[in-house]
C-alpha atoms as a PDB file:
ATOM      1  CA  MET A   1       0.113   0.414  -0.133  1.00  0.00           C
ATOM      2  CA  LEU A   2       2.566   2.523   0.783  1.00  0.00           C
ATOM      3  CA  GLU A   3       4.297   1.862  -2.904  1.00  0.00           C
ATOM      4  CA  MET A   4       0.548   3.710  -4.176  1.00  0.00           C
ATOM      5  CA  LEU A   5       1.393   6.514  -1.894  1.00  0.00           C
ATOM      6  CA  ASN A   6       4.404   7.002  -4.053  1.00  0.00           C
ATOM      7  CA  ALA A   7       2.934   7.433  -7.295  1.00  0.00           C
ATOM      8  CA  GLU A   8       3.330  10.818  -9.329  1.00  0.00           C
ATOM      9  CA  ASP A   9       1.220  13.690  -8.777  1.00  0.00           C
ATOM     10  CA  GLY A  10      -1.904  14.059 -10.065  1.00  0.00           C
ATOM     11  CA  LYS A  11      -2.223  10.267 -11.084  1.00  0.00           C
ATOM     12  CA  GLU A  12      -5.700   8.443 -10.231  1.00  0.00           C
ATOM     13  CA  ILE A  13      -4.789   5.154  -8.375  1.00  0.00           C
ATOM     14  CA  GLU A  14      -7.498   2.113  -7.974  1.00  0.00           C
ATOM     15  CA  VAL A  15      -7.405   0.124  -4.720  1.00  0.00           C
ATOM     16  CA  ILE A  16      -8.997  -3.266  -4.782  1.00  0.00           C
ATOM     17  CA  GLY A  17      -9.185  -5.402  -1.682  1.00  0.00           C
ATOM     18  CA  ASP A  18     -11.511  -6.564   1.316  1.00  0.00           C
ATOM     19  CA  GLU A  19     -13.869  -3.899   3.258  1.00  0.00           C
ATOM     20  CA  ASP A  20     -11.745  -3.900   6.332  1.00  0.00           C
ATOM     21  CA  LEU A  21      -8.843  -3.548   4.729  1.00  0.00           C
ATOM     22  CA  LEU A  22     -10.058  -0.493   2.586  1.00  0.00           C
ATOM     23  CA  LYS A  23     -11.626   1.161   5.671  1.00  0.00           C
ATOM     24  CA  LYS A  24      -8.276   1.412   7.092  1.00  0.00           C
ATOM     25  CA  PHE A  25      -6.578   2.557   4.034  1.00  0.00           C
ATOM     26  CA  LYS A  26      -9.545   5.030   3.642  1.00  0.00           C
ATOM     27  CA  LEU A  27      -8.474   6.550   6.742  1.00  0.00           C
ATOM     28  CA  LEU A  28      -4.666   6.401   5.902  1.00  0.00           C
ATOM     29  CA  LEU A  29      -5.741   8.541   2.614  1.00  0.00           C
ATOM     30  CA  LEU A  30      -7.798  11.292   4.140  1.00  0.00           C
ATOM     31  CA  SER A  31      -5.173  11.630   7.083  1.00  0.00           C
ATOM     32  CA  LEU A  32      -2.631  12.465   3.750  1.00  0.00           C
ATOM     33  CA  ASN A  33      -5.234  14.409   2.412  1.00  0.00           C
ATOM     34  CA  GLN A  34      -5.489  12.419  -0.332  1.00  0.00           C
ATOM     35  CA  GLU A  35      -8.867  13.429  -3.086  1.00  0.00           C
ATOM     36  CA  ILE A  36     -10.752  10.192  -3.059  1.00  0.00           C
ATOM     37  CA  ILE A  37     -13.009   9.814  -6.311  1.00  0.00           C
ATOM     38  CA  VAL A  38     -14.754   6.712  -6.478  1.00  0.00           C
ATOM     39  CA  GLU A  39     -15.494   4.559  -3.105  1.00  0.00           C
ATOM     40  CA  GLU A  40     -17.414   1.069  -3.491  1.00  0.00           C
ATOM     41  CA  LYS A  41     -17.835  -1.618  -1.226  1.00  0.00           C
ATOM     42  CA  ASN A  42     -14.574  -3.483  -2.976  1.00  0.00           C
ATOM     43  CA  ARG A  43     -12.643  -0.821  -4.469  1.00  0.00           C
ATOM     44  CA  ILE A  44     -11.294   2.903  -3.964  1.00  0.00           C
ATOM     45  CA  VAL A  45      -9.987   4.937  -6.775  1.00  0.00           C
ATOM     46  CA  TYR A  46      -8.101   8.408  -5.664  1.00  0.00           C
ATOM     47  CA  ARG A  47      -6.036  11.179  -7.222  1.00  0.00           C
ATOM     48  CA  LYS A  48      -2.487  11.387  -5.715  1.00  0.00           C
ATOM     49  CA  ARG A  49      -1.735  14.876  -4.163  1.00  0.00           C
ATOM     50  CA  ALA A  50       1.730  16.438  -2.907  1.00  0.00           C
END
């Protein structure tokens, strides 16, 4: 997961996993001020911000 946070700024990244994992990942994204574009049961798409 941490590798995904090293992506280029502005790039959209899709993360697929179980609900529990994605809940934790969503909290991480929000704490790092990342833009969540799509949020579904097994999937999150976010845009990497600096």
